[in-house]
Amino acid sequence: MRKIAVFLVVMLLAFINVYAAGLNADFYWEPQTPTDMQEVHFYDNSTGDIIAWIWYFGDGSSSTEQNPIHVYEDNGTYTVRLVIISSSGATDYVEKVITVLNIPPVADAGEDIISNNLTVLFNGSLSYDVDGSIVAWHWEFGDGNTADGETVSHTYEEEGIYVVNLTVEDNDGDSSNDSIEVMVDITPPVTNYTIENEKAWYNGNVTVSLEATDNLAGVNYTMYRIDNGSWEKYEENFTVSGEGVHKVYFYSVDNAGNVEKEKNVTIGIDLTPPVTNYTINATYGQNKWIKDYAIISFDATDNLAGINRTMYKIDDGDWEEYTEPINFSVKGEHVIYFYSIDNAGNVEEEKNFTIKIDKDAPTMSITAPKQGYIYIAGRRIMPTLFKNTFIIGKMTASVDANDATSGIYYVEFVLNGEVLWRDYVAPYEAELPREFPLSFNKLKIITYDMAGHYVESEEISYIKIL
């Protein structure tokens, strides 16, 4: 009986081992080298009549899923055990070691910086570590200097472009870095203006262009205004118009925020030509005839730009620039042309005036009576012995007068010191008064030209009978 019991036990164990020998626990995972905080997919690769799976992940966590997903909260080396159970209650297990890597920190030095101050603030607070904490921040400022800290400031000695590097280290000893570009620009931009054919005064609209330059950061924008107008952003050439003195103000701002000191340019616009007047200093006779010479002066005025020059010419002569009064004495009738130009280039419409000069006295000859003759009823009869003149009866005195330049104004017949007659029209004549029975007389003829020159005859003494 005892032998039978032993046999049955042996047979039972053999049966159980046959079933246990059919189980083979195995697994794998992906990714092969995970990091903490990363999902790790475990895949059952066991064989046999399996009805249950028990996973031990080595960090105190477990699962009964066939293909579980597990996240390790920290890096390290863990032993993973998979236990499988068959429908008959048989078990098998396998252990494997998984290495979970640390997730490096992320360094964030911020955006590139453009600074208009030599002292620059750096902020690394956007750096982070998903599976721990950052314990160190190390800054390299690109000029040979360094500093440690989450936020630091650094003062550069001069303007320039610097590459700044931030290195952060987490609590697991891993590190990463980030670089930014820092432009230090403390110099304002420089704006220049351009005006074609620049001058003090213009006689039309003026086009202004502005050009700004900057040594580092570059120009952000340029502003301008005309006189007391509103500030406008410069986009393209603009026009200054309207008569008067204008001021254009302008400045620029660079991308670092440096503001240029305001500048200005003065633009004078004069649209009105000058006005020139003349004066003649001379001694005049009749009908604007000048007796000897004339001093001609020009006086030009302009409302804004001022006079550049005054030009004149005489008759068909060449144009000359007026610099001082003109002493003119050429006899005859002349036309003087003149105009002025102002400093804006406005040209006055040409003007002219006429000047008449007669420097010579007229000529004349007495045709009747002549000294030393006897006249009867106006007819010359014969000469007398002692140059005495006798006029019997009616007698008309006559004169032949000429003036080639200004012309005869009148002929004056003076009898015995008093004007007997003035004759303005040729032939120049005057009837001598009749006397009874006789009278002694003196006759003088004076001829005037239009300029006021005159010529006198010698006195003719005569005895008038009847």
Protein backbone atom coordinates (compact mmCIF):
# COMPACT_ATOMS: atom_id res chain seq x y z
CA MET A 1 0.00 0.00 0.00
CA ARG A 2 2.78 2.32 0.80
CA LYS A 3 4.46 1.59 -2.50
CA ILE A 4 1.27 2.45 -4.29
CA ALA A 5 1.04 5.84 -2.56
CA VAL A 6 4.62 6.69 -3.45
CA PHE A 7 3.99 5.73 -7.05
CA LEU A 8 0.94 7.97 -7.23
CA VAL A 9 2.89 10.94 -5.82
CA VAL A 10 5.64 10.42 -8.33
CA MET A 11 3.16 10.20 -11.17
CA LEU A 12 1.39 13.39 -9.97
CA LEU A 13 4.64 15.32 -9.83
CA ALA A 14 5.58 14.07 -13.23
CA PHE A 15 2.23 15.20 -14.58
CA ILE A 16 2.56 18.63 -12.98
CA ASN A 17 6.08 19.05 -14.35
CA VAL A 18 4.89 18.17 -17.81
CA TYR A 19 2.43 21.06 -17.63
CA ALA A 20 4.98 23.43 -15.99
CA ALA A 21 7.53 22.57 -18.58
CA GLY A 22 5.14 24.05 -21.17
CA LEU A 23 5.37 27.61 -19.67
CA ASN A 24 8.14 30.07 -20.77
CA ALA A 25 8.03 33.64 -19.37
CA ASP A 26 9.58 36.37 -21.57
CA PHE A 27 9.04 40.05 -22.46
CA TYR A 28 10.62 43.10 -24.15
CA TRP A 29 9.95 46.83 -24.11
CA GLU A 30 10.03 49.89 -26.29
CA PRO A 31 11.80 52.20 -26.46
CA GLN A 32 14.88 50.26 -25.61
CA THR A 33 16.46 53.17 -23.73
CA PRO A 34 13.64 55.24 -22.33
CA THR A 35 13.83 58.40 -20.30
CA ASP A 36 11.94 59.13 -17.15
CA MET A 37 8.53 60.67 -17.72
CA GLN A 38 8.37 58.70 -20.98
CA GLU A 39 5.85 55.95 -21.61
CA VAL A 40 7.49 52.54 -21.77
CA HIS A 41 5.52 49.85 -23.60
CA PHE A 42 6.11 46.36 -22.13
CA TYR A 43 5.18 43.49 -24.42
CA ASP A 44 4.54 39.90 -23.20
CA ASN A 45 6.59 37.45 -25.23
CA SER A 46 5.81 34.37 -23.09
CA THR A 47 4.58 30.96 -24.38
CA GLY A 48 2.27 28.37 -22.87
CA ASP A 49 -1.30 28.14 -21.66
CA ILE A 50 -1.21 31.49 -19.87
CA ILE A 51 -4.21 32.95 -18.14
CA ALA A 52 -2.61 35.60 -15.94
CA TRP A 53 0.34 38.04 -15.97
CA ILE A 54 1.83 39.84 -13.05
CA TRP A 55 4.36 42.65 -13.72
CA TYR A 56 6.70 44.15 -11.14
CA PHE A 57 8.39 47.30 -12.58
CA GLY A 58 11.05 47.63 -9.92
CA ASP A 59 9.92 51.06 -8.67
CA GLY A 60 7.16 49.71 -6.42
CA SER A 61 4.53 49.68 -9.15
CA SER A 62 2.91 46.61 -10.72
CA SER A 63 0.35 45.65 -13.34
CA THR A 64 -1.74 42.62 -14.32
CA GLU A 65 -2.17 43.64 -17.93
CA GLN A 66 -0.62 41.43 -20.57
CA ASN A 67 1.09 44.40 -22.32
CA PRO A 68 1.15 47.28 -19.86
CA ILE A 69 2.44 50.83 -20.29
CA HIS A 70 4.49 52.28 -17.46
CA VAL A 71 6.12 55.68 -16.81
CA TYR A 72 9.17 55.94 -14.56
CA GLU A 73 9.19 59.15 -12.62
CA ASP A 74 12.92 59.22 -12.16
CA ASN A 75 15.91 57.98 -13.98
CA GLY A 76 17.78 54.91 -12.72
CA THR A 77 18.23 51.17 -13.17
CA TYR A 78 15.23 48.99 -12.43
CA THR A 79 14.65 45.18 -12.32
CA VAL A 80 11.43 44.23 -14.04
CA ARG A 81 9.82 40.81 -13.23
CA LEU A 82 7.09 39.14 -15.23
CA VAL A 83 5.21 36.24 -13.58
CA ILE A 84 2.90 34.13 -15.74
CA ILE A 85 0.27 31.60 -14.55
CA SER A 86 -1.24 28.79 -16.60
CA SER A 87 -4.77 27.49 -16.44
CA SER A 88 -3.56 24.58 -14.32
CA GLY A 89 -2.04 26.92 -11.81
CA ALA A 90 1.52 26.46 -12.96
CA THR A 91 3.78 29.55 -12.86
CA ASP A 92 6.92 30.85 -14.44
CA TYR A 93 8.74 34.18 -14.25
CA VAL A 94 11.59 36.12 -15.79
CA GLU A 95 13.54 39.23 -14.65
CA LYS A 96 15.25 41.83 -16.82
CA VAL A 97 17.08 45.06 -16.00
CA ILE A 98 15.90 48.33 -17.66
CA THR A 99 17.92 51.53 -17.59
CA VAL A 100 15.85 54.72 -17.53
CA LEU A 101 17.77 57.80 -18.58
CA ASN A 102 17.38 61.29 -17.17
CA ILE A 103 15.65 63.97 -19.31
CA PRO A 104 18.15 66.79 -19.67
CA PRO A 105 17.02 70.28 -18.68
CA VAL A 106 16.01 72.82 -21.32
CA ALA A 107 18.01 76.03 -21.32
CA ASP A 108 16.20 79.15 -22.47
CA ALA A 109 18.17 82.37 -22.52
CA GLY A 110 15.24 84.30 -23.95
CA GLU A 111 14.98 86.21 -27.22
CA ASP A 112 17.79 88.06 -28.93
CA ILE A 113 18.35 91.42 -27.26
CA ILE A 114 18.85 94.87 -28.75
CA SER A 115 19.87 97.28 -26.00
CA ASN A 116 20.49 101.03 -26.01
CA ASN A 117 22.22 100.73 -22.65
CA LEU A 118 25.62 99.22 -21.84
CA THR A 119 24.02 97.42 -18.88
CA VAL A 120 21.88 94.49 -20.05
CA LEU A 121 19.54 92.31 -17.96
CA PHE A 122 19.51 88.57 -18.70
CA ASN A 123 16.68 86.26 -17.62
CA GLY A 124 16.94 82.47 -17.71
CA SER A 125 13.70 81.84 -15.84
CA LEU A 126 12.09 80.22 -18.87
CA SER A 127 14.55 77.33 -18.60
CA TYR A 128 13.00 74.18 -17.13
CA ASP A 129 13.52 70.51 -16.22
CA VAL A 130 10.50 68.23 -16.66
CA ASP A 131 11.74 65.45 -14.39
CA GLY A 132 13.37 67.50 -11.69
CA SER A 133 14.65 70.96 -11.11
CA ILE A 134 17.36 73.28 -12.36
CA VAL A 135 20.00 73.90 -9.78
CA ALA A 136 22.49 76.11 -11.67
CA TRP A 137 22.53 78.80 -14.32
CA HIS A 138 25.84 79.86 -15.86
CA TRP A 139 26.13 82.83 -18.24
CA GLU A 140 28.93 83.62 -20.66
CA PHE A 141 28.49 87.18 -21.97
CA GLY A 142 30.63 86.99 -25.08
CA ASP A 143 33.17 89.55 -23.88
CA GLY A 144 35.15 87.19 -21.65
CA ASN A 145 33.03 87.77 -18.55
CA THR A 146 30.69 85.28 -16.86
CA ALA A 147 28.12 85.20 -14.08
CA ASP A 148 25.88 82.70 -12.30
CA GLY A 149 22.22 83.07 -11.47
CA GLU A 150 18.76 82.74 -12.90
CA THR A 151 18.60 86.47 -13.67
CA VAL A 152 21.75 88.56 -13.91
CA SER A 153 22.82 91.91 -15.33
CA HIS A 154 26.04 92.67 -17.11
CA THR A 155 27.65 95.94 -18.18
CA TYR A 156 29.55 95.94 -21.42
CA GLU A 157 32.46 98.28 -21.90
CA GLU A 158 31.57 99.20 -25.46
CA GLU A 159 29.02 98.83 -28.19
CA GLY A 160 28.99 95.68 -30.24
CA ILE A 161 27.34 92.40 -31.07
CA TYR A 162 27.88 89.63 -28.53
CA VAL A 163 26.91 85.96 -28.47
CA VAL A 164 25.69 85.12 -24.96
CA ASN A 165 25.53 81.48 -23.84
CA LEU A 166 23.43 80.11 -20.98
CA THR A 167 24.22 76.67 -19.51
CA VAL A 168 21.76 75.16 -17.03
CA GLU A 169 22.27 72.05 -14.86
CA ASP A 170 19.49 69.94 -13.32
CA ASN A 171 19.43 68.03 -10.04
CA ASP A 172 20.59 64.87 -11.83
CA GLY A 173 23.74 66.56 -13.10
CA ASP A 174 22.67 66.86 -16.72
CA SER A 175 23.03 70.17 -18.52
CA SER A 176 22.06 71.99 -21.71
CA ASN A 177 22.74 75.39 -23.18
CA ASP A 178 21.13 78.07 -25.26
CA SER A 179 22.65 81.05 -27.04
CA ILE A 180 21.26 84.44 -27.94
CA GLU A 181 22.66 87.43 -29.77
CA VAL A 182 22.95 90.67 -27.86
CA MET A 183 23.40 93.91 -29.77
CA VAL A 184 24.50 96.83 -27.63
CA ASP A 185 23.90 100.09 -29.49
CA ILE A 186 24.00 103.37 -27.58
CA THR A 187 24.58 105.66 -30.58
CA PRO A 188 21.54 107.40 -32.13
CA PRO A 189 21.06 107.18 -35.90
CA VAL A 190 22.12 110.00 -38.21
CA THR A 191 19.65 111.53 -40.66
CA ASN A 192 20.68 113.63 -43.65
CA TYR A 193 18.50 115.54 -46.06
CA THR A 194 18.89 116.00 -49.79
CA ILE A 195 17.52 118.86 -51.88
CA GLU A 196 18.38 118.99 -55.56
CA ASN A 197 20.36 122.12 -56.43
CA GLU A 198 20.31 123.25 -52.83
CA LYS A 199 20.35 127.00 -52.34
CA ALA A 200 19.03 129.65 -50.01
CA TRP A 201 15.96 130.53 -52.08
CA TYR A 202 13.74 128.72 -54.55
CA ASN A 203 11.10 129.99 -56.96
CA GLY A 204 8.97 126.85 -56.93
CA ASN A 205 8.06 123.77 -54.90
CA VAL A 206 10.98 122.04 -53.19
CA THR A 207 11.31 118.25 -52.96
CA VAL A 208 13.06 116.97 -49.83
CA SER A 209 14.39 113.46 -49.30
CA LEU A 210 15.66 112.06 -46.00
CA GLU A 211 18.15 109.25 -45.49
CA ALA A 212 18.99 107.79 -42.09
CA THR A 213 21.86 105.47 -41.20
CA ASP A 214 22.72 103.62 -38.00
CA ASN A 215 25.94 101.94 -36.96
CA LEU A 216 24.51 98.76 -35.44
CA ALA A 217 20.82 98.25 -34.75
CA GLY A 218 19.57 99.79 -37.95
CA VAL A 219 17.00 102.52 -38.47
CA ASN A 220 13.50 101.86 -37.23
CA TYR A 221 11.75 104.96 -38.56
CA THR A 222 12.23 108.63 -39.47
CA MET A 223 9.85 111.44 -38.51
CA TYR A 224 9.47 114.91 -40.03
CA ARG A 225 7.24 117.96 -39.86
CA ILE A 226 7.00 121.20 -41.86
CA ASP A 227 6.87 124.42 -39.83
CA ASN A 228 4.31 123.94 -37.05
CA GLY A 229 2.55 121.03 -38.72
CA SER A 230 2.03 117.55 -37.30
CA TRP A 231 4.82 115.02 -37.15
CA GLU A 232 4.62 112.47 -39.95
CA LYS A 233 6.41 109.21 -40.56
CA TYR A 234 8.77 109.53 -43.50
CA GLU A 235 7.93 107.05 -46.24
CA GLU A 236 8.99 108.85 -49.41
CA ASN A 237 10.12 112.21 -50.73
CA PHE A 238 7.86 115.09 -49.75
CA THR A 239 7.24 118.58 -51.13
CA VAL A 240 7.51 121.95 -49.43
CA SER A 241 5.37 124.60 -51.12
CA GLY A 242 4.02 128.07 -50.58
CA GLU A 243 5.79 131.40 -50.57
CA GLY A 244 7.72 132.21 -47.43
CA VAL A 245 10.45 130.90 -45.16
CA HIS A 246 9.81 127.30 -44.08
CA LYS A 247 11.55 125.03 -41.61
CA VAL A 248 11.61 121.26 -42.00
CA TYR A 249 12.29 119.39 -38.76
CA PHE A 250 13.36 115.74 -38.72
CA TYR A 251 14.89 112.97 -36.61
CA SER A 252 15.21 109.16 -36.62
CA VAL A 253 14.90 106.32 -34.12
CA ASP A 254 16.93 103.12 -34.40
CA ASN A 255 15.88 99.58 -33.54
CA ALA A 256 17.61 99.89 -30.18
CA GLY A 257 15.39 102.83 -29.26
CA ASN A 258 18.06 105.49 -29.57
CA VAL A 259 16.44 108.79 -30.57
CA GLU A 260 18.37 111.21 -32.72
CA LYS A 261 18.48 114.85 -31.65
CA GLU A 262 16.04 116.87 -33.72
CA LYS A 263 17.51 118.64 -36.75
CA ASN A 264 16.08 121.19 -39.15
CA VAL A 265 16.70 122.80 -42.50
CA THR A 266 15.42 126.20 -43.65
CA ILE A 267 13.81 126.47 -47.08
CA GLY A 268 12.95 129.85 -48.59
CA ILE A 269 10.39 130.00 -51.38
CA ASP A 270 9.86 133.24 -53.31
CA LEU A 271 7.43 133.11 -56.22
CA THR A 272 7.21 136.85 -56.89
CA PRO A 273 9.63 138.62 -59.25
CA PRO A 274 11.37 141.76 -57.99
CA VAL A 275 10.27 145.29 -58.88
CA THR A 276 12.75 147.80 -60.30
CA ASN A 277 12.27 151.54 -60.38
CA TYR A 278 14.50 154.12 -61.95
CA THR A 279 15.34 157.72 -61.23
CA ILE A 280 16.93 160.34 -63.48
CA ASN A 281 18.85 163.22 -61.99
CA ALA A 282 19.11 165.87 -64.71
CA THR A 283 18.29 169.42 -65.73
CA TYR A 284 15.24 169.38 -67.94
CA GLY A 285 13.99 171.70 -70.58
CA GLN A 286 10.72 171.26 -72.41
CA ASN A 287 9.10 167.98 -73.41
CA LYS A 288 11.46 166.03 -71.10
CA TRP A 289 14.55 167.04 -72.97
CA ILE A 290 17.67 167.08 -70.83
CA LYS A 291 20.07 169.98 -71.29
CA ASP A 292 23.43 168.31 -70.68
CA TYR A 293 23.74 164.89 -68.98
CA ALA A 294 21.68 162.51 -66.91
CA ILE A 295 22.56 160.42 -63.86
CA ILE A 296 20.44 157.26 -64.07
CA SER A 297 19.89 155.16 -60.98
CA PHE A 298 18.01 151.87 -60.53
CA ASP A 299 16.44 150.75 -57.28
CA ALA A 300 15.17 147.16 -57.14
CA THR A 301 13.16 145.68 -54.28
CA ASP A 302 12.06 142.12 -53.54
CA ASN A 303 9.60 140.89 -50.97
CA LEU A 304 11.54 137.86 -49.76
CA ALA A 305 14.66 136.54 -51.41
CA GLY A 306 16.35 139.87 -52.08
CA ILE A 307 17.92 141.22 -55.24
CA ASN A 308 20.57 139.22 -57.00
CA ARG A 309 21.31 141.67 -59.80
CA THR A 310 19.87 144.36 -62.02
CA MET A 311 20.59 144.37 -65.75
CA TYR A 312 20.30 147.21 -68.23
CA LYS A 313 21.11 148.07 -71.82
CA ILE A 314 20.98 151.25 -73.90
CA ASP A 315 19.25 151.02 -77.25
CA ASP A 316 20.59 147.96 -79.06
CA GLY A 317 23.71 147.64 -76.95
CA ASP A 318 24.77 144.69 -74.83
CA TRP A 319 23.21 143.90 -71.48
CA GLU A 320 25.28 145.07 -68.53
CA GLU A 321 24.98 144.53 -64.79
CA TYR A 322 24.07 147.65 -62.89
CA THR A 323 26.51 148.42 -60.08
CA GLU A 324 26.40 152.19 -59.65
CA PRO A 325 24.61 155.25 -61.04
CA ILE A 326 25.15 155.77 -64.75
CA ASN A 327 26.40 159.11 -66.01
CA PHE A 328 24.91 159.33 -69.50
CA SER A 329 25.44 162.23 -71.89
CA VAL A 330 25.04 160.90 -75.42
CA LYS A 331 22.84 163.39 -77.20
CA GLY A 332 19.74 162.23 -78.93
CA GLU A 333 16.75 160.10 -78.00
CA HIS A 334 17.59 156.74 -76.37
CA VAL A 335 15.66 153.81 -74.95
CA ILE A 336 16.98 152.33 -71.70
CA TYR A 337 15.90 148.72 -71.02
CA PHE A 338 16.16 147.14 -67.57
CA TYR A 339 15.04 144.30 -65.33
CA SER A 340 16.11 142.57 -62.10
CA ILE A 341 16.55 139.00 -60.88
CA ASP A 342 16.06 138.01 -57.27
CA ASN A 343 18.02 135.42 -55.30
CA ALA A 344 15.32 132.82 -55.94
CA GLY A 345 15.79 133.18 -59.70
CA ASN A 346 12.57 135.08 -60.37
CA VAL A 347 13.08 137.31 -63.41
CA GLU A 348 11.26 140.60 -63.62
CA GLU A 349 9.50 141.42 -66.85
CA GLU A 350 11.65 143.71 -68.95
CA LYS A 351 10.87 147.42 -68.68
CA ASN A 352 12.11 150.50 -70.51
CA PHE A 353 12.04 154.25 -70.55
CA THR A 354 13.14 156.92 -73.01
CA ILE A 355 15.74 159.54 -72.28
CA LYS A 356 16.37 162.60 -74.50
CA ILE A 357 19.55 164.66 -74.29
CA ASP A 358 20.41 167.84 -76.17
CA LYS A 359 23.68 169.46 -75.14
CA ASP A 360 23.94 172.03 -77.97
CA ALA A 361 22.31 175.41 -78.40
CA PRO A 362 20.18 176.01 -81.49
CA THR A 363 21.40 177.94 -84.48
CA MET A 364 19.72 180.95 -85.98
CA SER A 365 20.22 183.78 -88.46
CA ILE A 366 18.20 186.98 -88.81
CA THR A 367 16.89 187.23 -92.29
CA ALA A 368 15.25 190.64 -91.74
CA PRO A 369 16.01 193.37 -90.84
CA LYS A 370 19.76 193.32 -91.23
CA GLN A 371 22.00 195.97 -89.75
CA GLY A 372 23.05 198.80 -92.10
CA TYR A 373 20.22 198.76 -94.64
CA ILE A 374 17.28 200.89 -95.63
CA TYR A 375 13.90 199.09 -95.70
CA ILE A 376 10.78 200.53 -97.29
CA ALA A 377 7.47 198.69 -96.87
CA GLY A 378 9.37 195.58 -95.88
CA ARG A 379 11.70 195.59 -98.82
CA ARG A 380 15.40 195.96 -98.44
CA ILE A 381 16.46 198.91 -100.64
CA MET A 382 20.11 199.62 -100.13
CA PRO A 383 22.92 199.67 -97.58
CA THR A 384 23.67 202.80 -95.59
CA LEU A 385 26.95 204.58 -95.37
CA PHE A 386 27.56 204.31 -91.64
CA LYS A 387 25.80 200.98 -90.89
CA ASN A 388 22.66 202.74 -89.72
CA THR A 389 19.37 200.97 -90.32
CA PHE A 390 16.23 202.74 -91.43
CA ILE A 391 12.83 201.12 -91.64
CA ILE A 392 10.11 203.07 -93.36
CA GLY A 393 6.56 201.81 -93.16
CA LYS A 394 5.48 198.25 -92.50
CA MET A 395 8.20 195.76 -91.57
CA THR A 396 8.20 192.10 -90.47
CA ALA A 397 11.23 190.78 -88.66
CA SER A 398 12.07 187.18 -89.56
CA VAL A 399 14.49 184.56 -88.30
CA ASP A 400 15.78 181.31 -89.70
CA ALA A 401 16.25 178.99 -86.63
CA ASN A 402 17.26 175.32 -86.43
CA ASP A 403 18.02 172.66 -83.80
CA ALA A 404 18.95 169.21 -85.06
CA THR A 405 18.38 167.37 -81.76
CA SER A 406 15.54 168.58 -79.62
CA GLY A 407 14.06 171.09 -82.05
CA ILE A 408 13.10 174.76 -81.70
CA TYR A 409 10.84 175.56 -78.82
CA TYR A 410 10.18 179.21 -79.71
CA VAL A 411 11.80 182.36 -81.05
CA GLU A 412 11.52 185.45 -78.92
CA PHE A 413 11.57 188.95 -80.43
CA VAL A 414 12.75 191.49 -77.82
CA LEU A 415 12.20 195.14 -78.66
CA ASN A 416 13.78 197.78 -76.51
CA GLY A 417 14.24 195.28 -73.64
CA GLU A 418 10.71 193.93 -73.70
CA VAL A 419 9.31 190.87 -75.39
CA LEU A 420 7.51 191.88 -78.49
CA TRP A 421 6.52 188.44 -79.68
CA ARG A 422 7.15 184.74 -79.20
CA ASP A 423 6.71 182.60 -82.21
CA TYR A 424 6.44 178.82 -81.66
CA VAL A 425 5.93 177.80 -85.26
CA ALA A 426 8.17 178.38 -88.26
CA PRO A 427 8.52 180.59 -90.12
CA TYR A 428 9.48 182.65 -87.12
CA GLU A 429 8.30 186.22 -87.63
CA ALA A 430 7.15 189.32 -85.77
CA GLU A 431 5.68 192.55 -87.15
CA LEU A 432 7.56 195.57 -85.89
CA PRO A 433 5.35 198.33 -84.45
CA ARG A 434 4.80 201.44 -86.58
CA GLU A 435 5.84 204.82 -85.18
CA PHE A 436 4.89 208.42 -86.11
CA PRO A 437 6.78 210.33 -87.07
CA LEU A 438 9.84 208.23 -86.00
CA SER A 439 11.46 206.32 -83.14
CA PHE A 440 14.82 204.92 -82.19
CA ASN A 441 14.73 201.14 -81.41
CA LYS A 442 16.86 198.18 -80.49
CA LEU A 443 15.86 194.70 -81.59
CA LYS A 444 17.30 191.40 -80.20
CA ILE A 445 16.29 187.86 -81.16
CA ILE A 446 16.56 184.93 -78.71
CA THR A 447 15.97 181.38 -79.96
CA TYR A 448 15.24 178.52 -77.47
CA ASP A 449 15.37 174.78 -78.17
CA MET A 450 13.32 172.15 -76.38
CA ALA A 451 16.17 171.36 -73.98
CA GLY A 452 16.27 174.95 -72.77
CA HIS A 453 19.38 175.96 -74.63
CA TYR A 454 19.19 179.36 -76.30
CA VAL A 455 21.13 181.63 -78.60
CA GLU A 456 20.93 185.43 -78.70
CA SER A 457 21.53 187.71 -81.62
CA GLU A 458 23.38 190.97 -81.38
CA GLU A 459 21.13 193.95 -81.00
CA ILE A 460 20.03 195.62 -84.21
CA SER A 461 19.60 199.35 -83.82
CA TYR A 462 17.19 200.92 -86.25
CA ILE A 463 15.23 204.09 -86.82
CA LYS A 464 11.57 203.47 -87.46
CA ILE A 465 9.77 206.02 -89.62
CA LEU A 466 6.00 205.73 -89.82
